């Protein structure tokens, strides 16, 4: 995953200091979004807000689009990216916990650097 996406997701995931048998939810791997070729060819850019849950095993489940602009263009690519993410689960009192109602914005920007793969 590209460093910019990791930084953005890290900011969106609530992070706090690790103390004893406590650990915040931490993104550890996953794919960046794949820019849809047709949208790229048309010069379209956009954002997709995705809501999801993370299991105690660190797997993303129940991902759904909350909003997207432009609607429908980047939804599938954003969901595919978010579903690939893996986390170190939230740990409270030494026990891994599920984390519900997470929300991240996946951005699609054409900035001259070809940092996306095409469908």
N, C-alpha and C. Protein backbone atom coordinates (compact mmCIF):
# COMPACT_ATOMS: atom_id res chain seq x y z
N UNK A 1 0.86 -1.16 0.00
CA UNK A 1 0.00 0.00 0.00
C UNK A 1 0.90 1.22 0.00
N UNK A 2 0.49 2.26 -0.71
CA UNK A 2 1.39 3.41 -0.77
C UNK A 2 1.42 4.15 0.56
N UNK A 3 2.52 4.82 0.81
CA UNK A 3 2.74 5.48 2.11
C UNK A 3 1.70 6.55 2.41
N UNK A 4 1.24 7.25 1.37
CA UNK A 4 0.24 8.30 1.58
C UNK A 4 -1.07 7.71 2.10
N UNK A 5 -1.49 6.58 1.53
CA UNK A 5 -2.72 5.95 1.97
C UNK A 5 -2.58 5.44 3.40
N UNK A 6 -1.45 4.85 3.72
CA UNK A 6 -1.22 4.38 5.08
C UNK A 6 -1.31 5.55 6.05
N UNK A 7 -0.72 6.68 5.71
CA UNK A 7 -0.75 7.84 6.59
C UNK A 7 -2.18 8.34 6.78
N UNK A 8 -2.95 8.40 5.69
CA UNK A 8 -4.33 8.88 5.79
C UNK A 8 -5.16 7.94 6.65
N UNK A 9 -5.05 6.64 6.40
CA UNK A 9 -5.82 5.68 7.17
C UNK A 9 -5.40 5.71 8.63
N UNK A 10 -4.11 5.84 8.87
CA UNK A 10 -3.63 5.90 10.25
C UNK A 10 -4.22 7.08 11.00
N UNK A 11 -4.37 8.21 10.30
CA UNK A 11 -4.97 9.37 10.95
C UNK A 11 -6.45 9.14 11.23
N UNK A 12 -7.11 8.37 10.36
CA UNK A 12 -8.53 8.12 10.52
C UNK A 12 -8.82 7.07 11.59
N UNK A 13 -7.87 6.20 11.83
CA UNK A 13 -8.03 5.18 12.87
C UNK A 13 -7.58 5.80 14.18
N UNK A 14 -8.38 5.72 15.18
CA UNK A 14 -8.04 6.35 16.46
C UNK A 14 -6.87 5.62 17.07
N UNK A 15 -5.79 6.39 17.24
CA UNK A 15 -4.58 5.82 17.79
C UNK A 15 -4.29 6.46 19.13
N UNK A 16 -3.91 5.62 20.05
CA UNK A 16 -3.47 6.14 21.35
C UNK A 16 -2.22 5.37 21.75
N UNK A 17 -1.57 5.81 22.78
CA UNK A 17 -0.34 5.15 23.20
C UNK A 17 -0.59 3.73 23.66
N UNK A 18 0.39 2.88 23.42
CA UNK A 18 0.32 1.49 23.86
C UNK A 18 0.83 1.42 25.30
N UNK A 19 0.00 0.97 26.20
CA UNK A 19 0.39 0.89 27.60
C UNK A 19 0.01 -0.49 28.11
N UNK A 20 1.00 -1.24 28.60
CA UNK A 20 0.75 -2.54 29.18
C UNK A 20 0.03 -3.47 28.23
N UNK A 21 -1.15 -3.95 28.65
CA UNK A 21 -1.91 -4.91 27.85
C UNK A 21 -3.02 -4.22 27.05
N UNK A 22 -2.77 -2.97 26.68
CA UNK A 22 -3.69 -2.19 25.84
C UNK A 22 -3.00 -1.92 24.50
N UNK A 23 -3.76 -1.96 23.41
CA UNK A 23 -3.20 -1.59 22.11
C UNK A 23 -4.32 -1.03 21.25
N UNK A 24 -4.07 0.08 20.58
CA UNK A 24 -5.09 0.64 19.69
C UNK A 24 -5.19 -0.19 18.41
N UNK A 25 -6.25 0.00 17.68
CA UNK A 25 -6.41 -0.60 16.37
C UNK A 25 -5.34 -0.03 15.45
N UNK A 26 -4.60 -0.90 14.74
CA UNK A 26 -3.49 -0.44 13.89
C UNK A 26 -3.55 -1.12 12.54
N UNK A 27 -3.54 -0.34 11.47
CA UNK A 27 -3.49 -0.87 10.11
C UNK A 27 -2.10 -1.47 9.88
N UNK A 28 -2.05 -2.72 9.39
CA UNK A 28 -0.76 -3.36 9.16
C UNK A 28 -0.52 -3.73 7.70
N UNK A 29 -1.57 -3.91 6.91
CA UNK A 29 -1.38 -4.23 5.51
C UNK A 29 -2.66 -4.01 4.72
N UNK A 30 -2.52 -4.07 3.41
CA UNK A 30 -3.68 -3.94 2.53
C UNK A 30 -3.30 -3.23 1.26
N UNK A 31 -4.17 -3.35 0.29
CA UNK A 31 -3.93 -2.75 -1.02
C UNK A 31 -4.45 -1.33 -1.08
N UNK A 32 -3.80 -0.53 -1.89
CA UNK A 32 -4.33 0.79 -2.21
C UNK A 32 -5.42 0.61 -3.25
N UNK A 33 -6.19 1.64 -3.51
CA UNK A 33 -7.27 1.52 -4.48
C UNK A 33 -6.74 1.41 -5.91
N UNK A 34 -7.50 0.71 -6.73
CA UNK A 34 -7.21 0.60 -8.16
C UNK A 34 -8.08 1.62 -8.86
N UNK A 35 -7.45 2.51 -9.62
CA UNK A 35 -8.17 3.59 -10.31
C UNK A 35 -8.90 3.00 -11.51
N UNK A 36 -10.22 3.08 -11.57
CA UNK A 36 -10.94 2.55 -12.73
C UNK A 36 -10.47 3.23 -14.02
N UNK A 37 -10.12 2.42 -15.01
CA UNK A 37 -9.54 2.93 -16.26
C UNK A 37 -10.43 3.95 -16.95
N UNK A 38 -11.73 3.71 -16.97
CA UNK A 38 -12.63 4.65 -17.66
C UNK A 38 -12.66 6.00 -16.95
N UNK A 39 -12.68 5.98 -15.62
CA UNK A 39 -12.66 7.23 -14.86
C UNK A 39 -11.34 7.97 -15.08
N UNK A 40 -10.26 7.22 -15.12
CA UNK A 40 -8.94 7.83 -15.35
C UNK A 40 -8.89 8.46 -16.74
N UNK A 41 -9.39 7.73 -17.74
CA UNK A 41 -9.38 8.24 -19.11
C UNK A 41 -10.21 9.52 -19.25
N UNK A 42 -11.27 9.63 -18.45
CA UNK A 42 -12.14 10.81 -18.48
C UNK A 42 -11.65 11.92 -17.56
N UNK A 43 -10.56 11.67 -16.84
CA UNK A 43 -10.03 12.68 -15.93
C UNK A 43 -10.86 12.89 -14.68
N UNK A 44 -11.65 11.89 -14.31
CA UNK A 44 -12.51 12.01 -13.12
C UNK A 44 -11.71 11.77 -11.85
N UNK A 45 -12.03 12.53 -10.82
CA UNK A 45 -11.47 12.36 -9.48
C UNK A 45 -12.62 12.26 -8.50
N UNK A 46 -12.37 11.73 -7.33
CA UNK A 46 -13.45 11.64 -6.37
C UNK A 46 -13.02 11.07 -5.03
N UNK A 47 -14.02 10.94 -4.17
CA UNK A 47 -13.84 10.41 -2.82
C UNK A 47 -14.98 9.47 -2.49
N UNK A 48 -14.66 8.43 -1.73
CA UNK A 48 -15.67 7.48 -1.28
C UNK A 48 -15.49 7.30 0.23
N UNK A 49 -16.56 7.50 0.99
CA UNK A 49 -16.54 7.27 2.42
C UNK A 49 -17.08 5.86 2.65
N UNK A 50 -16.28 5.04 3.33
CA UNK A 50 -16.63 3.64 3.57
C UNK A 50 -16.72 3.41 5.08
N UNK A 51 -17.81 2.75 5.50
CA UNK A 51 -17.98 2.34 6.91
C UNK A 51 -17.75 0.83 6.96
N UNK A 52 -17.07 0.36 8.01
CA UNK A 52 -16.74 -1.05 8.13
C UNK A 52 -16.50 -1.42 9.59
N UNK A 53 -16.47 -2.71 9.83
CA UNK A 53 -16.13 -3.24 11.13
C UNK A 53 -14.84 -4.04 11.00
N UNK A 54 -14.11 -4.16 12.10
CA UNK A 54 -12.89 -4.96 12.12
C UNK A 54 -13.07 -6.02 13.20
N UNK A 55 -12.86 -7.30 12.80
CA UNK A 55 -13.02 -8.40 13.75
C UNK A 55 -11.86 -8.43 14.74
N UNK A 56 -11.98 -9.25 15.77
CA UNK A 56 -10.91 -9.42 16.75
C UNK A 56 -9.67 -10.04 16.10
N UNK A 57 -9.83 -10.64 14.91
CA UNK A 57 -8.70 -11.19 14.17
C UNK A 57 -8.09 -10.16 13.22
N UNK A 58 -8.65 -8.95 13.17
CA UNK A 58 -8.10 -7.88 12.36
C UNK A 58 -8.59 -7.84 10.92
N UNK A 59 -9.66 -8.57 10.63
CA UNK A 59 -10.20 -8.64 9.27
C UNK A 59 -11.35 -7.65 9.12
N UNK A 60 -11.39 -6.94 7.98
CA UNK A 60 -12.48 -6.01 7.69
C UNK A 60 -13.72 -6.82 7.26
N UNK A 61 -14.86 -6.48 7.85
CA UNK A 61 -16.14 -7.10 7.48
C UNK A 61 -17.21 -6.02 7.37
N UNK A 62 -18.26 -6.35 6.65
CA UNK A 62 -19.45 -5.48 6.55
C UNK A 62 -19.13 -4.10 5.97
N UNK A 63 -18.17 -4.02 5.06
CA UNK A 63 -17.83 -2.72 4.45
C UNK A 63 -18.98 -2.26 3.56
N UNK A 64 -19.31 -0.97 3.67
CA UNK A 64 -20.37 -0.39 2.85
C UNK A 64 -20.05 1.06 2.56
N UNK A 65 -20.50 1.50 1.39
CA UNK A 65 -20.31 2.89 1.00
C UNK A 65 -21.32 3.75 1.73
N UNK A 66 -20.84 4.78 2.40
CA UNK A 66 -21.69 5.75 3.09
C UNK A 66 -22.04 6.88 2.14
N UNK A 67 -21.03 7.35 1.40
CA UNK A 67 -21.24 8.40 0.41
C UNK A 67 -20.11 8.36 -0.60
N UNK A 68 -20.40 8.89 -1.79
CA UNK A 68 -19.35 8.96 -2.80
C UNK A 68 -19.62 10.14 -3.72
N UNK A 69 -18.52 10.73 -4.19
CA UNK A 69 -18.62 11.86 -5.09
C UNK A 69 -17.50 11.75 -6.12
N UNK A 70 -17.85 11.56 -7.38
CA UNK A 70 -19.18 11.40 -7.95
C UNK A 70 -19.77 10.04 -7.59
N UNK A 71 -21.10 9.98 -7.48
CA UNK A 71 -21.75 8.73 -7.05
C UNK A 71 -21.49 7.56 -8.00
N UNK A 72 -21.13 6.42 -7.40
CA UNK A 72 -21.04 5.17 -8.13
C UNK A 72 -19.78 4.94 -8.95
N UNK A 73 -18.99 5.94 -9.21
CA UNK A 73 -17.82 5.80 -10.10
C UNK A 73 -16.69 5.02 -9.43
N UNK A 74 -16.40 5.32 -8.20
CA UNK A 74 -15.26 4.73 -7.51
C UNK A 74 -15.66 3.77 -6.39
N UNK A 75 -16.95 3.52 -6.21
CA UNK A 75 -17.44 2.70 -5.10
C UNK A 75 -16.80 1.32 -5.04
N UNK A 76 -16.83 0.58 -6.15
CA UNK A 76 -16.30 -0.78 -6.15
C UNK A 76 -14.80 -0.80 -5.84
N UNK A 77 -14.07 0.13 -6.41
CA UNK A 77 -12.62 0.20 -6.17
C UNK A 77 -12.33 0.50 -4.70
N UNK A 78 -13.10 1.40 -4.12
CA UNK A 78 -12.90 1.75 -2.70
C UNK A 78 -13.22 0.56 -1.80
N UNK A 79 -14.33 -0.13 -2.07
CA UNK A 79 -14.70 -1.30 -1.27
C UNK A 79 -13.66 -2.41 -1.38
N UNK A 80 -13.16 -2.62 -2.59
CA UNK A 80 -12.14 -3.64 -2.78
C UNK A 80 -10.88 -3.32 -1.98
N UNK A 81 -10.48 -2.07 -1.98
CA UNK A 81 -9.30 -1.67 -1.21
C UNK A 81 -9.52 -1.86 0.28
N UNK A 82 -10.63 -1.35 0.79
CA UNK A 82 -10.91 -1.44 2.24
C UNK A 82 -11.02 -2.90 2.67
N UNK A 83 -11.64 -3.74 1.87
CA UNK A 83 -11.77 -5.16 2.22
C UNK A 83 -10.43 -5.88 2.24
N UNK A 84 -9.40 -5.31 1.62
CA UNK A 84 -8.07 -5.94 1.64
C UNK A 84 -7.26 -5.55 2.88
N UNK A 85 -7.70 -4.53 3.59
CA UNK A 85 -6.94 -4.05 4.74
C UNK A 85 -6.94 -5.08 5.87
N UNK A 86 -5.82 -5.17 6.57
CA UNK A 86 -5.70 -6.02 7.75
C UNK A 86 -5.13 -5.17 8.87
N UNK A 87 -5.64 -5.44 10.06
CA UNK A 87 -5.29 -4.65 11.24
C UNK A 87 -4.73 -5.52 12.35
N UNK A 88 -3.94 -4.92 13.23
CA UNK A 88 -3.73 -5.48 14.55
C UNK A 88 -4.94 -5.01 15.33
N UNK A 89 -5.69 -5.94 15.84
CA UNK A 89 -6.95 -5.61 16.51
C UNK A 89 -6.73 -4.76 17.76
N UNK A 90 -7.78 -4.05 18.12
CA UNK A 90 -7.82 -3.32 19.38
C UNK A 90 -7.67 -4.34 20.51
N UNK A 91 -6.81 -4.04 21.47
CA UNK A 91 -6.61 -4.94 22.61
C UNK A 91 -6.93 -4.16 23.88
N UNK A 92 -7.81 -4.74 24.68
CA UNK A 92 -8.18 -4.15 25.97
C UNK A 92 -8.02 -5.24 27.03
N UNK A 93 -7.28 -4.92 28.06
CA UNK A 93 -6.99 -5.88 29.13
C UNK A 93 -6.45 -7.19 28.58
N UNK A 94 -5.60 -7.09 27.55
CA UNK A 94 -4.93 -8.25 26.99
C UNK A 94 -5.78 -9.10 26.05
N UNK A 95 -7.00 -8.66 25.76
CA UNK A 95 -7.90 -9.44 24.91
C UNK A 95 -8.22 -8.66 23.63
N UNK A 96 -8.02 -9.30 22.47
CA UNK A 96 -8.34 -8.67 21.19
C UNK A 96 -9.85 -8.43 21.11
N UNK A 97 -10.21 -7.23 20.66
CA UNK A 97 -11.62 -6.82 20.60
C UNK A 97 -12.01 -6.46 19.17
N UNK A 98 -13.25 -6.73 18.79
CA UNK A 98 -13.72 -6.21 17.50
C UNK A 98 -13.88 -4.70 17.61
N UNK A 99 -13.80 -4.04 16.48
CA UNK A 99 -13.98 -2.59 16.43
C UNK A 99 -15.06 -2.30 15.40
N UNK A 100 -16.14 -1.68 15.83
CA UNK A 100 -17.28 -1.47 14.94
C UNK A 100 -17.43 0.00 14.57
N UNK A 101 -18.08 0.21 13.42
CA UNK A 101 -18.40 1.57 12.99
C UNK A 101 -17.21 2.40 12.57
N UNK A 102 -16.15 1.75 12.09
CA UNK A 102 -14.99 2.50 11.58
C UNK A 102 -15.41 3.21 10.30
N UNK A 103 -14.78 4.28 9.98
CA UNK A 103 -15.11 5.02 8.76
C UNK A 103 -13.83 5.61 8.18
N UNK A 104 -13.63 5.42 6.87
CA UNK A 104 -12.46 5.95 6.18
C UNK A 104 -12.88 6.55 4.85
N UNK A 105 -12.15 7.56 4.42
CA UNK A 105 -12.36 8.16 3.11
C UNK A 105 -11.25 7.70 2.18
N UNK A 106 -11.65 7.10 1.05
CA UNK A 106 -10.69 6.66 0.04
C UNK A 106 -10.76 7.69 -1.09
N UNK A 107 -9.63 8.31 -1.37
CA UNK A 107 -9.58 9.39 -2.37
C UNK A 107 -8.93 8.91 -3.66
N UNK A 108 -9.46 9.40 -4.75
CA UNK A 108 -8.94 9.10 -6.09
C UNK A 108 -8.54 10.43 -6.72
N UNK A 109 -7.24 10.62 -6.95
CA UNK A 109 -6.73 11.88 -7.48
C UNK A 109 -5.77 11.60 -8.62
N UNK A 110 -5.90 12.38 -9.65
CA UNK A 110 -4.96 12.34 -10.77
C UNK A 110 -4.00 13.49 -10.56
N UNK A 111 -2.80 13.16 -10.09
CA UNK A 111 -1.84 14.21 -9.78
C UNK A 111 -0.61 14.16 -10.67
N UNK A 112 -0.72 13.46 -11.80
CA UNK A 112 0.41 13.37 -12.71
C UNK A 112 1.27 12.15 -12.46
N UNK A 113 1.38 11.71 -11.22
CA UNK A 113 2.14 10.50 -10.91
C UNK A 113 1.19 9.31 -11.02
N UNK A 114 1.61 8.30 -11.75
CA UNK A 114 0.75 7.14 -11.95
C UNK A 114 0.90 6.21 -10.76
N UNK A 115 0.22 6.53 -9.67
CA UNK A 115 0.34 5.75 -8.45
C UNK A 115 -0.76 4.72 -8.29
N UNK A 116 -1.62 4.58 -9.28
CA UNK A 116 -2.72 3.62 -9.24
C UNK A 116 -2.54 2.58 -10.33
N UNK A 117 -3.03 1.39 -10.06
CA UNK A 117 -3.18 0.40 -11.10
C UNK A 117 -4.53 0.64 -11.74
N UNK A 118 -4.72 0.17 -12.97
CA UNK A 118 -6.01 0.27 -13.66
C UNK A 118 -6.74 -1.05 -13.58
N UNK A 119 -8.07 -0.98 -13.62
CA UNK A 119 -8.88 -2.20 -13.73
C UNK A 119 -8.67 -2.78 -15.09
